[in-house]
Structures are given as C-alpha cells and as structure tokens.
Amino acid sequence: MITRYCQTSTKYILYFFQNRLRFSISLFIVLYTHLTGFGQFNDTLSLKYKDSKILIISKSNEIDEWSFEEDQIEVEKSNHSFRINSSFGILKLNDNYLFNGFNSSNRLPYNNVNSSMTNFKLYFKSIKIKAELLKIFIGIGVQKNKLNLGGNTVSVLNDSLMFSKVNIESVNKNNLNLHYLTLPFNISWVPFSKKKKNLLLQLEFSNQILWYGKSNFKYVENNIKYSENIKNNFFNSRYYLSGSFKIIYRKIGVFMQSNLTKYNTIFPELSNYSFGLTICL
C-alpha cells in the first residue's frame, strides 16, 4: 500500500508539471505575440498631449512633431511684444493747465529749445480686456525734466528762488534737473482692428514721485573751469499726477504729456507739458 501510493504520487506529480509546462509555453507565446504587436503599434503611432489636445503622427511621415510648440511660442511672443517704453521730447512751462490753453510762462528763466523731458518705463503686468484689441499695462519707471537756464544762476532762499544773470566768458552747462520715480497706468487699444492692426492709441496716467533735484552749472573764466552744483527740490511738489496721449505705428510714435495736478509749490497755477517721440518694444 505504501509503495503503490508512492508510485502513484510520482506519476501524478510528473503529469501535473507536464500540464503546467504546456500551459506556461502557450501563455508565453500569447504574451510574446501580444507585446510584440503592441510595441509595433506604439512605434507606429506617437501621442503628444498639448493643452488637452491629442496629436497623432505617423512614423513614416516626416512632419516635425514639435512644430505646434513653435506656433504657440510665436503667439506668446506677439502677446507680450509691448514691455518697454522710452520717450524723449521738448519740455515747456505753461502759466495755466494745458486744457485751459497755451500760455508760455516766463516766471522761470529757461531756454525753450534746449529744455527736455526723458523717461523710461518697464511694464511688468498686462491685463487683456478684449483679446488683442484692448489692454491695460502697469509698470514702473524713471523720468528726468531738464530746464536749461542759459546764462542764469539759481539760488535757493527760505521761501523763494533767485535767478541772476551772469557775465561769464563761456557757460558749458547750466541745467536744473528734476528726477522722478514713475508708476504708470497705461490703456492701449487698436482703433482699426481689421485694416490697421499696427496702429495703437494709448492713454496713460503716471504717478510722479520726486526723487531728487539738482542744478548743474559749469563755466569757464580766465581759462579756468568751474563747476557749481545745488541739490534741492527747488520748491517742486513731492508728488503729482500726469497724463499723456500716444499714437504709435509699428512701435514708433509721438506723444504729448502734461501734469494733471499741482506741479510747483511757489506757483500753483504753473504747469509743464512735453511732446516728442516715443518707442514701444
């Protein structure tokens, strides 16, 4: 009984392994065939996901499968083309606010031709209101107002400025410079969206914060060069609001700017305005 049981068990074990071997070989053949076919299919088709879109490209086709990214990069660049603005123009003083009319001021002796305004602005935030047709830009910048005093020297008294005509051989430089930090708020729109997309109109309001003022007086007398500098705010307001209007075509245009609030503490009705060229990049 014991010997027969052992012989029977040995035969049963061999039969069990033989069946399992056949099943294993069959399973291996099926899996190999399936995986080989799936690998070929995977090599034939490439699936690319971009913004919830599926791009199916045949391996035999020589189309650049990454070209859709180049198109999107170009669109993004065009959306952010306006980031830097620089303006340069002639600076003039007016006895009234600009919207009350032009009335050239002679309260401060300055040269109308050589006086200038220069600013540089960096826009770090943009808001789309209507696609590419209407945008708002917020940024930061610097501005310099330069009054050319000609042959007049300036002195700061307790509550006033005193200008004196000088009799000097040669005046190399005589400027009264005011430096501002600016916080611009720019509204830009395309007036003719179908015909002239390159034409832009911009209305901008800037917070002008006086950084510092400085006079720069250099002259020559008896063949000796002299330099005199005064650092003062020259009774200009620490803060004022300005407004400007720009017409830009292909990133180059013209502008006009004026203060909207009080500009000078000695002459409250005095205003400044400037006009010239502007570049938007």
Protein backbone atom coordinates (compact mmCIF):
# COMPACT_ATOMS: atom_id res chain seq x y z
CA MET A 1 0.00 0.00 0.00
CA ILE A 2 2.73 2.38 0.87
CA THR A 3 4.84 1.52 -2.23
CA ARG A 4 1.80 1.82 -4.53
CA TYR A 5 0.91 5.16 -3.05
CA CYS A 6 4.41 6.45 -3.69
CA GLN A 7 4.40 5.27 -7.29
CA THR A 8 1.02 6.80 -7.85
CA SER A 9 2.11 10.10 -6.34
CA THR A 10 5.23 10.26 -8.55
CA LYS A 11 3.20 9.71 -11.72
CA TYR A 12 0.69 12.31 -10.63
CA ILE A 13 3.41 14.88 -9.95
CA LEU A 14 5.02 14.33 -13.38
CA TYR A 15 1.63 14.65 -15.07
CA PHE A 16 0.91 17.86 -13.13
CA PHE A 17 4.18 19.51 -14.17
CA GLN A 18 3.73 18.39 -17.77
CA ASN A 19 0.34 20.10 -18.00
CA ARG A 20 1.64 23.23 -16.31
CA LEU A 21 4.61 23.34 -18.70
CA ARG A 22 2.30 23.17 -21.70
CA PHE A 23 0.15 25.94 -20.24
CA SER A 24 3.20 28.08 -19.47
CA ILE A 25 4.56 27.70 -23.01
CA SER A 26 1.18 28.60 -24.52
CA LEU A 27 0.85 31.63 -22.22
CA PHE A 28 4.39 32.78 -23.11
CA ILE A 29 3.63 32.52 -26.86
CA VAL A 30 0.40 34.52 -26.45
CA LEU A 31 2.04 37.22 -24.34
CA TYR A 32 5.03 37.49 -26.66
CA THR A 33 2.77 37.87 -29.70
CA HIS A 34 0.64 40.49 -27.92
CA LEU A 35 3.56 42.53 -26.62
CA THR A 36 5.33 42.42 -29.99
CA GLY A 37 2.23 43.67 -31.75
CA PHE A 38 1.67 46.40 -29.13
CA GLY A 39 5.31 47.50 -29.47
CA GLN A 40 4.95 47.79 -33.23
CA PHE A 41 1.75 49.77 -32.78
CA ASN A 42 3.42 52.00 -30.21
CA ASP A 43 6.34 52.63 -32.60
CA THR A 44 3.95 53.44 -35.43
CA LEU A 45 1.86 56.00 -33.56
CA SER A 46 3.13 58.83 -31.32
CA LEU A 47 0.71 60.52 -28.97
CA LYS A 48 1.52 64.09 -27.90
CA TYR A 49 -0.60 65.96 -25.40
CA LYS A 50 -0.65 69.79 -25.56
CA ASP A 51 -3.33 71.87 -23.89
CA SER A 52 -5.73 68.91 -23.76
CA LYS A 53 -5.23 68.19 -27.50
CA ILE A 54 -4.03 64.87 -28.98
CA LEU A 55 -1.67 64.96 -31.94
CA ILE A 56 -1.34 61.63 -33.82
CA ILE A 57 1.65 61.42 -36.15
CA SER A 58 2.71 58.51 -38.31
CA LYS A 59 6.31 57.45 -38.02
CA SER A 60 6.64 57.30 -41.80
CA ASN A 61 5.53 60.93 -42.10
CA GLU A 62 8.40 63.43 -41.95
CA ILE A 63 6.35 66.27 -40.43
CA ASP A 64 8.04 67.93 -37.46
CA GLU A 65 6.04 66.69 -34.47
CA TRP A 66 7.14 69.68 -32.36
CA SER A 67 6.08 72.38 -34.84
CA PHE A 68 2.91 73.11 -32.89
CA GLU A 69 5.09 74.36 -30.00
CA GLU A 70 6.84 76.83 -32.32
CA ASP A 71 3.47 78.25 -33.36
CA GLN A 72 2.44 78.69 -29.75
CA ILE A 73 5.78 80.32 -28.85
CA GLU A 74 5.31 82.83 -31.68
CA VAL A 75 1.81 83.64 -30.42
CA GLU A 76 3.09 84.16 -26.89
CA LYS A 77 5.83 86.48 -28.13
CA SER A 78 3.34 88.59 -30.04
CA ASN A 79 1.11 88.78 -26.97
CA HIS A 80 3.95 90.25 -24.90
CA SER A 81 5.58 92.50 -27.54
CA PHE A 82 4.91 95.70 -25.55
CA ARG A 83 7.02 95.67 -22.40
CA ILE A 84 9.38 98.67 -22.56
CA ASN A 85 8.62 102.30 -23.39
CA SER A 86 11.03 105.21 -23.82
CA SER A 87 10.07 108.79 -24.66
CA PHE A 88 12.03 111.93 -25.40
CA GLY A 89 10.63 115.39 -26.08
CA ILE A 90 10.78 119.14 -25.61
CA LEU A 91 9.79 120.46 -22.18
CA LYS A 92 7.87 123.72 -21.80
CA LEU A 93 6.24 125.63 -18.94
CA ASN A 94 2.72 126.98 -19.10
CA ASP A 95 1.04 129.59 -16.90
CA ASN A 96 -2.20 127.60 -16.93
CA TYR A 97 -3.15 123.95 -17.05
CA LEU A 98 -2.85 122.67 -20.58
CA PHE A 99 -6.59 122.20 -21.11
CA ASN A 100 -7.06 125.93 -20.35
CA GLY A 101 -4.92 126.89 -23.34
CA PHE A 102 -1.29 127.56 -24.20
CA ASN A 103 0.27 130.48 -22.39
CA SER A 104 4.06 130.27 -22.30
CA SER A 105 5.44 131.11 -18.85
CA ASN A 106 8.39 133.42 -18.16
CA ARG A 107 8.31 133.04 -14.38
CA LEU A 108 11.35 130.80 -14.58
CA PRO A 109 14.09 131.90 -17.00
CA TYR A 110 14.79 128.88 -19.21
CA ASN A 111 15.65 128.04 -22.79
CA ASN A 112 12.63 126.65 -24.65
CA VAL A 113 14.73 124.84 -27.24
CA ASN A 114 17.23 123.04 -25.02
CA SER A 115 14.86 122.05 -22.21
CA SER A 116 13.73 118.43 -22.42
CA MET A 117 11.85 115.56 -20.81
CA THR A 118 13.12 111.97 -20.93
CA ASN A 119 11.51 108.89 -19.42
CA PHE A 120 12.00 105.14 -19.40
CA LYS A 121 9.26 102.72 -18.29
CA LEU A 122 9.11 98.99 -17.75
CA TYR A 123 5.67 97.35 -17.80
CA PHE A 124 5.65 94.13 -15.77
CA LYS A 125 1.88 93.48 -15.66
CA SER A 126 -0.60 93.31 -18.53
CA ILE A 127 -4.35 92.70 -18.46
CA LYS A 128 -6.31 91.75 -21.57
CA ILE A 129 -9.75 93.35 -21.68
CA LYS A 130 -10.71 92.41 -25.23
CA ALA A 131 -8.28 89.92 -26.77
CA GLU A 132 -5.51 91.82 -28.53
CA LEU A 133 -7.61 94.95 -29.12
CA LEU A 134 -7.72 96.44 -25.62
CA LYS A 135 -5.08 96.01 -22.90
CA ILE A 136 -4.05 97.61 -19.62
CA PHE A 137 -0.39 97.83 -18.58
CA ILE A 138 1.01 98.57 -15.13
CA GLY A 139 4.68 99.26 -14.51
CA ILE A 140 7.45 101.37 -13.04
CA GLY A 141 9.88 103.87 -14.49
CA VAL A 142 12.08 106.95 -14.16
CA GLN A 143 11.74 110.43 -15.64
CA LYS A 144 14.04 113.43 -15.95
CA ASN A 145 12.82 117.01 -16.51
CA LYS A 146 15.67 119.24 -17.63
CA LEU A 147 15.31 123.04 -17.69
CA ASN A 148 18.14 124.79 -19.48
CA LEU A 149 18.75 128.08 -17.61
CA GLY A 150 21.06 129.62 -20.19
CA GLY A 151 23.19 132.31 -18.53
CA ASN A 152 21.18 132.46 -15.30
CA THR A 153 22.33 131.11 -11.96
CA VAL A 154 19.84 129.89 -9.39
CA SER A 155 19.92 130.34 -5.61
CA VAL A 156 17.53 128.84 -3.05
CA LEU A 157 16.27 131.19 -0.33
CA ASN A 158 13.97 130.35 2.56
CA ASP A 159 10.75 130.66 0.60
CA SER A 160 11.77 131.58 -2.95
CA LEU A 161 14.17 131.05 -5.84
CA MET A 162 16.51 133.78 -7.04
CA PHE A 163 17.94 133.88 -10.55
CA SER A 164 20.88 136.12 -11.50
CA LYS A 165 22.24 136.90 -14.93
CA VAL A 166 25.93 136.07 -15.12
CA ASN A 167 28.64 137.73 -17.19
CA ILE A 168 30.95 134.84 -17.89
CA GLU A 169 33.19 134.07 -20.83
CA SER A 170 31.71 130.65 -21.58
CA VAL A 171 28.91 128.64 -19.96
CA ASN A 172 29.36 124.95 -20.79
CA LYS A 173 26.31 123.65 -18.94
CA ASN A 174 23.58 125.23 -16.86
CA ASN A 175 20.67 122.90 -16.17
CA LEU A 176 18.06 122.49 -13.48
CA ASN A 177 17.26 118.75 -13.38
CA LEU A 178 14.36 117.06 -11.61
CA HIS A 179 14.41 113.27 -11.31
CA TYR A 180 11.19 111.32 -10.73
CA LEU A 181 10.14 107.77 -10.00
CA THR A 182 7.01 106.98 -12.00
CA LEU A 183 4.18 104.45 -11.60
CA PRO A 184 2.36 104.36 -14.96
CA PHE A 185 -1.11 103.01 -15.70
CA ASN A 186 -1.44 102.55 -19.47
CA ILE A 187 -4.57 101.86 -21.52
CA SER A 188 -3.71 100.64 -25.02
CA TRP A 189 -6.18 99.84 -27.79
CA VAL A 190 -6.29 99.14 -31.53
CA PRO A 191 -8.75 101.58 -33.16
CA PHE A 192 -8.93 99.81 -36.55
CA SER A 193 -8.74 96.10 -35.83
CA LYS A 194 -9.39 94.90 -39.39
CA LYS A 195 -7.44 97.40 -41.51
CA LYS A 196 -4.54 98.73 -39.44
CA LYS A 197 -3.57 96.36 -36.62
CA ASN A 198 -0.16 98.04 -36.27
CA LEU A 199 -1.72 101.35 -35.19
CA LEU A 200 -2.05 101.81 -31.43
CA LEU A 201 -3.58 104.56 -29.33
CA GLN A 202 -2.53 104.83 -25.69
CA LEU A 203 -3.83 106.87 -22.79
CA GLU A 204 -1.54 106.85 -19.77
CA PHE A 205 -1.72 108.19 -16.23
CA SER A 206 1.52 108.33 -14.23
CA ASN A 207 2.18 108.94 -10.55
CA GLN A 208 5.24 111.22 -10.48
CA ILE A 209 7.24 110.92 -7.24
CA LEU A 210 10.08 113.43 -6.92
CA TRP A 211 13.32 111.55 -6.32
CA TYR A 212 15.72 114.50 -6.17
CA GLY A 213 16.51 117.81 -7.86
CA LYS A 214 19.93 119.11 -8.82
CA SER A 215 21.37 122.14 -10.62
CA ASN A 216 24.42 121.59 -12.78
CA PHE A 217 26.36 124.77 -13.58
CA LYS A 218 29.69 124.52 -15.42
CA TYR A 219 31.53 127.53 -16.87
CA VAL A 220 34.97 128.81 -17.89
CA GLU A 221 36.50 132.02 -16.59
CA ASN A 222 40.09 133.19 -17.14
CA ASN A 223 40.77 129.82 -18.80
CA ILE A 224 39.81 128.03 -15.60
CA LYS A 225 36.92 125.56 -15.48
CA TYR A 226 34.45 125.86 -12.62
CA SER A 227 31.55 123.66 -11.52
CA GLU A 228 28.75 124.53 -9.08
CA ASN A 229 26.00 122.11 -8.04
CA ILE A 230 22.99 122.54 -5.77
CA LYS A 231 20.89 119.58 -4.67
CA ASN A 232 17.37 120.67 -3.77
CA ASN A 233 13.75 120.12 -4.76
CA PHE A 234 13.55 123.80 -5.89
CA PHE A 235 10.01 124.11 -4.48
CA ASN A 236 8.56 121.46 -6.77
CA SER A 237 5.79 119.20 -5.48
CA ARG A 238 6.90 115.91 -4.00
CA TYR A 239 4.12 114.20 -5.94
CA TYR A 240 1.88 115.00 -8.88
CA LEU A 241 -0.22 113.13 -11.41
CA SER A 242 0.49 113.42 -15.13
CA GLY A 243 -1.41 112.30 -18.20
CA SER A 244 -0.19 111.53 -21.69
CA PHE A 245 -1.61 110.52 -25.05
CA LYS A 246 0.36 108.45 -27.57
CA ILE A 247 -0.12 107.49 -31.21
CA ILE A 248 2.10 104.56 -32.17
CA TYR A 249 2.60 102.87 -35.52
CA ARG A 250 4.88 99.83 -35.68
CA LYS A 251 6.35 100.54 -32.23
CA ILE A 252 7.37 104.14 -33.05
CA GLY A 253 5.12 107.14 -32.47
CA VAL A 254 4.52 110.54 -30.96
CA PHE A 255 3.28 111.63 -27.54
CA MET A 256 2.08 114.62 -25.57
CA GLN A 257 2.24 114.79 -21.77
CA SER A 258 1.20 117.28 -19.09
CA ASN A 259 0.66 117.43 -15.34
CA LEU A 260 -2.91 116.99 -14.10
CA THR A 261 -2.33 118.14 -10.51
CA LYS A 262 -0.21 120.87 -8.89
CA TYR A 263 3.38 120.79 -10.11
CA ASN A 264 5.08 123.70 -8.29
CA THR A 265 4.52 124.94 -4.71
CA ILE A 266 5.52 128.58 -5.38
CA PHE A 267 3.36 128.93 -8.49
CA PRO A 268 0.35 126.63 -8.00
CA GLU A 269 -1.08 127.52 -11.42
CA LEU A 270 2.19 126.71 -13.23
CA SER A 271 2.18 123.55 -15.34
CA ASN A 272 4.61 121.69 -17.58
CA TYR A 273 3.98 119.89 -20.83
CA SER A 274 6.15 118.00 -23.27
CA PHE A 275 5.84 116.43 -26.71
CA GLY A 276 8.11 114.36 -28.90
CA LEU A 277 8.92 110.80 -29.94
CA THR A 278 8.11 107.54 -28.17
CA ILE A 279 9.27 103.97 -28.75
CA CYS A 280 7.45 100.85 -27.50
CA LEU A 281 9.21 97.48 -27.50
